[in-house]
Protein backbone atom coordinates (compact mmCIF):
# COMPACT_ATOMS: atom_id res chain seq x y z
CA MET A 1 0.00 -0.18 -0.07
CA LEU A 2 1.20 3.17 -0.67
CA ASP A 3 1.96 5.77 1.89
CA PRO A 4 -0.08 8.39 1.24
CA THR A 5 2.65 11.02 2.93
CA GLU A 6 4.76 9.94 -0.22
CA LEU A 7 2.01 11.39 -2.24
CA PHE A 8 1.54 14.58 -0.40
CA PRO A 9 4.20 15.00 1.37
CA GLU A 10 2.98 19.10 2.62
CA VAL A 11 -0.69 19.27 2.59
CA PRO A 12 -0.90 23.01 4.48
CA ASN A 13 -4.18 23.89 6.65
CA LEU A 14 -6.46 26.51 5.41
CA TYR A 15 -4.56 29.05 7.52
CA GLU A 16 -1.40 27.99 5.05
CA PHE A 17 -2.81 29.54 1.92
CA PRO A 18 -1.64 32.94 1.16
CA SER A 19 -5.41 33.56 -0.07
CA ILE A 20 -6.79 33.17 3.62
CA HIS A 21 -4.06 35.68 4.51
CA SER A 22 -4.60 38.25 1.82
CA ASP A 23 -8.50 38.50 3.32
CA MET A 24 -7.35 39.48 6.67
CA ILE A 25 -4.11 41.77 5.36
CA TYR A 26 -6.43 43.79 2.74
CA ASP A 27 -9.93 44.18 5.36
CA GLU A 28 -9.27 47.62 6.47
CA HIS A 29 -12.28 47.95 9.46
CA ARG A 30 -9.67 44.68 11.00
CA VAL A 31 -6.02 46.39 10.17
CA GLY A 32 -7.52 49.88 10.39
CA ALA A 33 -8.73 49.46 14.10
CA TYR A 34 -5.61 47.87 15.03
CA ARG A 35 -2.97 50.54 13.39
CA ARG A 36 -5.08 52.83 15.32
CA ALA A 37 -4.56 51.05 19.02
CA ILE A 38 -1.11 50.44 17.95
CA GLU A 39 0.26 54.12 17.32
CA ARG A 40 -2.00 54.72 20.36
CA ILE A 41 -0.14 52.63 22.55
CA VAL A 42 3.31 51.74 21.13
CA LYS A 43 5.42 53.72 22.35
CA LYS A 44 8.95 55.02 20.69
CA GLY A 45 11.29 52.41 22.14
CA ASP A 46 9.21 50.10 23.43
CA VAL A 47 9.38 46.07 23.33
CA VAL A 48 6.41 44.66 22.43
CA VAL A 49 5.64 40.56 21.59
CA ASP A 50 3.15 39.89 18.83
CA VAL A 51 1.97 36.34 19.69
CA GLY A 52 0.24 34.63 16.47
CA THR A 53 1.72 37.10 14.47
CA GLY A 54 0.62 35.53 10.68
CA THR A 55 2.64 37.43 8.06
CA GLY A 56 3.46 39.65 10.68
CA ILE A 57 1.75 42.37 9.84
CA LEU A 58 0.73 44.06 13.06
CA ALA A 59 4.31 43.73 14.14
CA PHE A 60 5.38 46.08 11.26
CA LEU A 61 2.75 48.36 12.89
CA CYS A 62 4.53 48.19 15.80
CA LEU A 63 7.58 49.10 14.50
CA LYS A 64 6.05 51.82 12.08
CA ALA A 65 5.30 53.39 15.55
CA GLY A 66 8.14 53.27 16.84
CA ALA A 67 9.17 49.95 18.36
CA ALA A 68 12.51 49.62 18.94
CA ARG A 69 12.33 45.56 19.21
CA VAL A 70 9.40 43.13 18.29
CA HIS A 71 9.42 39.38 18.95
CA ALA A 72 7.17 38.01 16.71
CA ILE A 73 5.84 34.61 18.12
CA ASP A 74 3.86 31.90 15.46
CA ARG A 75 3.49 28.26 15.31
CA SER A 76 2.83 27.86 11.83
CA PRO A 77 4.81 27.73 8.65
CA VAL A 78 3.40 31.34 7.97
CA ILE A 79 5.96 32.71 10.49
CA ASN A 80 8.80 32.06 7.40
CA TRP A 81 6.87 34.66 5.25
CA ALA A 82 7.05 36.87 8.07
CA ARG A 83 10.85 36.58 7.77
CA ARG A 84 10.79 37.48 3.83
CA LEU A 85 8.48 40.51 4.23
CA ALA A 86 10.69 41.45 7.22
CA GLU A 87 13.64 41.26 4.77
CA THR A 88 12.07 42.70 2.36
CA ASN A 89 10.87 45.81 3.76
CA GLY A 90 13.70 46.38 5.97
CA MET A 91 12.39 45.40 9.39
CA ALA A 92 14.93 41.79 9.80
CA ASP A 93 16.81 43.65 12.33
CA GLN A 94 14.71 44.65 14.76
CA ILE A 95 12.21 41.92 15.09
CA ILE A 96 12.96 38.47 16.57
CA PHE A 97 11.09 34.68 15.35
CA HIS A 98 10.17 32.88 16.92
CA GLN A 99 8.20 29.84 15.55
CA CYS A 100 6.35 27.90 18.61
CA ASP A 101 3.52 28.02 20.03
CA SER A 102 3.54 30.74 22.39
CA ARG A 103 3.70 29.13 25.37
CA ASP A 104 7.04 27.04 24.75
CA ALA A 105 8.33 30.18 23.86
CA ASN A 106 11.26 32.17 25.55
CA VAL A 107 11.24 36.01 24.95
CA GLY A 108 14.64 36.61 27.31
CA GLU A 109 13.01 40.09 28.28
CA GLN A 110 10.22 41.74 29.85
CA ALA A 111 7.98 43.39 27.07
CA ASP A 112 6.00 46.85 27.34
CA VAL A 113 3.73 45.88 25.17
CA ILE A 114 1.50 42.24 23.74
CA VAL A 115 -0.33 42.44 20.77
CA SER A 116 -2.37 39.65 19.40
CA GLU A 117 -4.65 39.22 17.02
CA LEU A 118 -6.40 35.30 17.23
CA ILE A 119 -9.75 35.65 17.18
CA GLY A 120 -11.63 33.29 15.00
CA HIS A 121 -15.02 33.25 14.44
CA MET A 122 -16.47 31.95 17.29
CA VAL A 123 -14.01 34.05 18.86
CA PHE A 124 -11.78 31.78 21.24
CA GLU A 125 -11.16 28.97 19.07
CA GLU A 126 -7.84 30.05 18.31
CA GLY A 127 -6.84 29.98 21.92
CA MET A 128 -6.89 33.60 22.39
CA VAL A 129 -7.71 33.07 26.00
CA GLU A 130 -4.90 30.55 26.70
CA SER A 131 -2.39 32.14 24.86
CA ILE A 132 -2.45 35.67 26.18
CA SER A 133 -3.16 35.31 29.72
CA ASP A 134 0.29 32.65 29.65
CA ALA A 135 2.13 35.71 27.43
CA MET A 136 0.88 38.49 30.32
CA GLU A 137 1.88 36.03 32.95
CA ARG A 138 5.48 35.56 31.85
CA PHE A 139 6.26 38.20 29.23
CA LEU A 140 4.34 41.41 29.97
CA LYS A 141 6.31 44.48 32.20
CA PRO A 142 4.33 44.90 35.45
CA ASP A 143 3.31 48.32 34.00
CA GLY A 144 3.12 47.13 30.44
CA LEU A 145 -0.03 47.28 28.15
CA LEU A 146 -1.99 44.98 25.77
CA ILE A 147 -3.92 44.90 22.76
CA PRO A 148 -6.49 43.68 22.47
CA GLN A 149 -7.66 44.93 26.34
CA ALA A 150 -11.23 42.49 26.15
CA VAL A 151 -13.13 40.69 24.31
CA THR A 152 -17.28 39.50 23.94
CA LEU A 153 -18.91 36.87 21.63
CA TYR A 154 -22.39 38.05 21.15
CA ALA A 155 -24.95 35.57 19.65
CA ALA A 156 -29.03 35.64 18.55
CA PRO A 157 -31.51 33.23 16.96
CA VAL A 158 -31.93 33.76 13.57
CA CYS A 159 -33.74 32.55 10.11
CA GLU A 160 -30.67 32.30 8.08
CA ARG A 161 -31.14 32.69 4.13
CA GLU A 162 -28.46 30.93 1.92
CA ILE A 163 -26.10 28.47 3.91
CA TYR A 164 -29.03 26.41 5.73
CA LYS A 165 -30.08 25.76 2.12
CA SER A 166 -27.14 25.05 0.40
CA CYS A 167 -25.03 22.85 2.84
CA ILE A 168 -27.56 21.66 5.24
CA ASP A 169 -30.81 21.28 3.04
CA GLY A 170 -29.02 20.78 0.12
CA TRP A 171 -27.93 16.80 0.98
CA LYS A 172 -31.31 15.51 -0.96
CA PRO A 173 -30.76 12.01 -2.37
CA ALA A 174 -28.90 11.74 -5.90
CA TYR A 175 -28.18 9.06 -8.21
CA GLY A 176 -30.40 6.79 -6.07
CA ILE A 177 -28.24 7.03 -3.26
CA ASP A 178 -29.79 8.25 0.10
CA TYR A 179 -27.17 11.21 1.38
CA SER A 180 -29.64 11.87 4.61
CA VAL A 181 -26.09 10.51 6.56
CA MET A 182 -24.50 13.39 5.33
CA ARG A 183 -27.41 16.10 6.25
CA GLU A 184 -26.58 14.47 9.93
CA GLN A 185 -22.81 15.44 9.40
CA ALA A 186 -23.87 19.31 8.10
CA VAL A 187 -25.71 20.20 11.25
CA GLU A 188 -23.45 19.54 13.84
CA ALA A 189 -20.83 21.88 11.97
CA SER A 190 -20.54 25.62 12.38
CA TYR A 191 -20.29 27.66 9.39
CA VAL A 192 -18.82 31.34 7.82
CA ALA A 193 -22.05 33.29 7.15
CA GLU A 194 -23.23 36.76 5.87
CA ILE A 195 -26.23 37.16 8.73
CA ASN A 196 -28.37 40.27 8.05
CA GLU A 197 -29.84 42.35 10.92
CA ARG A 198 -33.12 41.29 9.37
CA ASP A 199 -32.30 37.77 10.08
CA LEU A 200 -32.59 38.36 13.28
CA LEU A 201 -35.46 36.79 15.69
CA ALA A 202 -34.34 38.74 18.95
CA THR A 203 -31.83 41.22 20.03
CA HIS A 204 -28.20 39.72 19.86
CA GLN A 205 -26.76 39.34 23.87
CA PRO A 206 -23.31 38.59 25.46
CA ILE A 207 -22.66 34.91 25.61
CA PHE A 208 -18.66 35.04 26.47
CA SER A 209 -16.62 37.82 27.79
CA VAL A 210 -13.13 37.84 28.51
CA ASP A 211 -11.39 41.22 30.58
CA PHE A 212 -7.93 40.21 30.28
CA LEU A 213 -6.78 43.10 32.53
CA ASP A 214 -9.26 42.05 34.95
CA ARG A 215 -7.80 38.16 34.73
CA ALA A 216 -10.87 37.30 35.93
CA GLN A 217 -11.62 33.42 34.89
CA LEU A 218 -13.59 33.12 31.33
CA GLU A 219 -16.92 31.46 32.08
CA VAL A 220 -17.81 28.93 29.44
CA HIS A 221 -21.02 28.06 30.32
CA ALA A 222 -23.48 30.85 29.60
CA GLU A 223 -27.72 30.67 29.45
CA LYS A 224 -29.59 33.77 27.90
CA ALA A 225 -33.45 34.20 26.92
CA PHE A 226 -34.26 35.05 23.75
CA GLU A 227 -37.18 37.48 23.26
CA ILE A 228 -38.86 36.98 19.88
CA HIS A 229 -39.54 40.42 18.36
CA ARG A 230 -41.30 38.46 15.11
CA ASP A 231 -42.97 35.95 14.18
CA GLY A 232 -40.76 33.39 11.91
CA GLU A 233 -38.61 30.63 11.36
CA ILE A 234 -35.90 30.07 13.52
CA ASN A 235 -33.40 27.43 11.72
CA GLY A 236 -30.02 28.44 14.08
CA VAL A 237 -27.81 30.95 15.80
CA ALA A 238 -25.60 33.74 14.76
CA PHE A 239 -22.29 34.72 16.47
CA TRP A 240 -20.00 37.52 16.27
CA PHE A 241 -17.58 39.49 18.89
CA ASP A 242 -16.39 42.89 19.97
CA ALA A 243 -13.42 43.56 21.00
CA LYS A 244 -11.89 46.15 22.89
CA LEU A 245 -8.36 47.27 21.66
CA THR A 246 -8.37 50.44 23.85
CA ASP A 247 -10.23 52.18 26.08
CA THR A 248 -11.51 53.75 22.17
CA ILE A 249 -11.23 51.72 19.51
CA ARG A 250 -13.31 48.87 19.19
CA LEU A 251 -13.61 45.96 16.36
CA SER A 252 -17.02 43.78 15.69
CA SER A 253 -18.29 41.36 13.23
CA GLY A 254 -21.32 42.11 13.77
CA PRO A 255 -23.59 41.91 10.61
CA TRP A 256 -23.95 45.92 10.66
CA THR A 257 -19.88 45.49 10.10
CA LYS A 258 -17.94 44.03 6.73
CA THR A 259 -15.06 41.67 7.34
CA HIS A 260 -13.15 38.99 6.37
CA TRP A 261 -15.24 37.19 9.75
CA LYS A 262 -18.09 37.45 8.80
CA GLN A 263 -20.44 36.01 11.07
CA CYS A 264 -20.76 32.70 12.03
CA PHE A 265 -23.76 30.36 11.69
CA THR A 266 -24.97 27.32 13.85
CA PRO A 267 -27.51 25.47 12.17
CA LEU A 268 -30.63 23.36 14.48
CA ILE A 269 -30.99 20.10 13.09
CA ARG A 270 -34.91 21.22 12.04
CA PRO A 271 -36.00 24.93 11.25
CA ARG A 272 -39.22 25.58 13.87
CA LYS A 273 -41.71 28.22 13.50
CA VAL A 274 -41.50 31.01 16.83
CA PHE A 275 -43.80 33.87 17.25
CA ALA A 276 -43.28 37.73 18.95
CA GLY A 277 -43.46 37.66 22.18
CA GLU A 278 -42.35 33.99 22.39
CA LEU A 279 -38.95 33.21 25.04
CA LEU A 280 -36.30 31.32 23.81
CA ASP A 281 -33.68 29.56 25.93
CA ILE A 282 -30.65 29.00 24.46
CA SER A 283 -27.54 27.43 26.75
CA PHE A 284 -24.19 27.55 25.33
CA SER A 285 -20.81 25.45 26.32
CA MET A 286 -17.49 25.55 25.54
CA THR A 287 -14.49 23.75 26.13
CA LEU A 288 -11.06 25.63 26.07
CA CYS A 289 -7.59 24.13 25.07
CA GLU A 290 -5.89 24.29 28.56
CA ARG A 291 -3.47 21.89 27.23
CA LYS A 292 -2.36 22.40 23.48
CA SER A 293 -3.28 18.77 22.95
CA ASP A 294 -7.09 19.81 23.23
CA ARG A 295 -9.31 20.51 21.27
CA PHE A 296 -11.91 23.13 21.48
CA SER A 297 -15.52 22.31 21.52
CA PHE A 298 -18.72 24.41 21.13
CA THR A 299 -22.75 23.48 22.07
CA VAL A 300 -25.67 25.29 21.56
CA GLU A 301 -28.96 24.00 23.24
CA ILE A 302 -32.40 25.18 22.63
CA PRO A 303 -34.61 22.86 25.27
CA GLN A 304 -37.67 24.34 23.96
CA ILE A 305 -36.90 22.57 20.33
CA ASP A 306 -34.87 19.62 21.89
CA ASP A 307 -31.89 20.77 19.93
CA HIS A 308 -28.42 20.89 20.12
CA ALA A 309 -25.31 21.63 17.80
CA THR A 310 -21.72 21.37 18.55
CA GLN A 311 -19.02 22.40 16.89
CA GLU A 312 -15.19 20.79 17.48
CA THR A 313 -11.94 22.64 16.35
């Protein structure tokens, strides 16, 4: 039998495709907010640690803002692109690259600022809480500063108009084959979607929030009651985030903004009619990656519908 690794010696994950980073770099809402925050926080001569540097855009912006030195950390081979970009742009002498998980890094000095954009579509699946908390404890000066300071995940019940039709109910019999098994798999996934405000069936609410400056423990279970504001049909729950980069600068991926994150849609097994004034109880749970070998998981349950959805990454 052929060894598949001989046929495909390097099959990159999604994060290792240039197109993903193009979406992030040319996301003016994302980079613009971080640039303004960096220009406000980073001072001339600062030492900065960039956790999850990717192609290095935040490290470069920190140097342009006056930082003397940046420790750029990323466990992905994408960091090699950042090295080449640093050389091309004459910044290589001011950046020290660390290709490893930030929790294994040793930068050898205390930082004035920690900057990070480990924000996933569900906010926490990229290990933001674990990585930033560790970096603050080991790298940051007692009076050091942090970008972002806090982040909150929001949720709302929705009637999504595209994903459910194509990715869930699209699994119909074909060529005489029953594909219902694939539909069962499809409803256990979450999807990047463009949610419009008209899709919302209730006012969005904060689900999970972490304030890094407060160093409070992140709660990993929440129960919320949503009051349905119009008759309609619920087929899932939408999620987006709000990040507090500084006291006055925020970054949101809500339905009213245009970012590469868009929104995240977690479908229900079956749609269900809802009516204005109805209270819909929804519980949310997640498991963080306390150890690097852990998998992030996220569960949504709606008792009235006897339904749940689970995402694991």
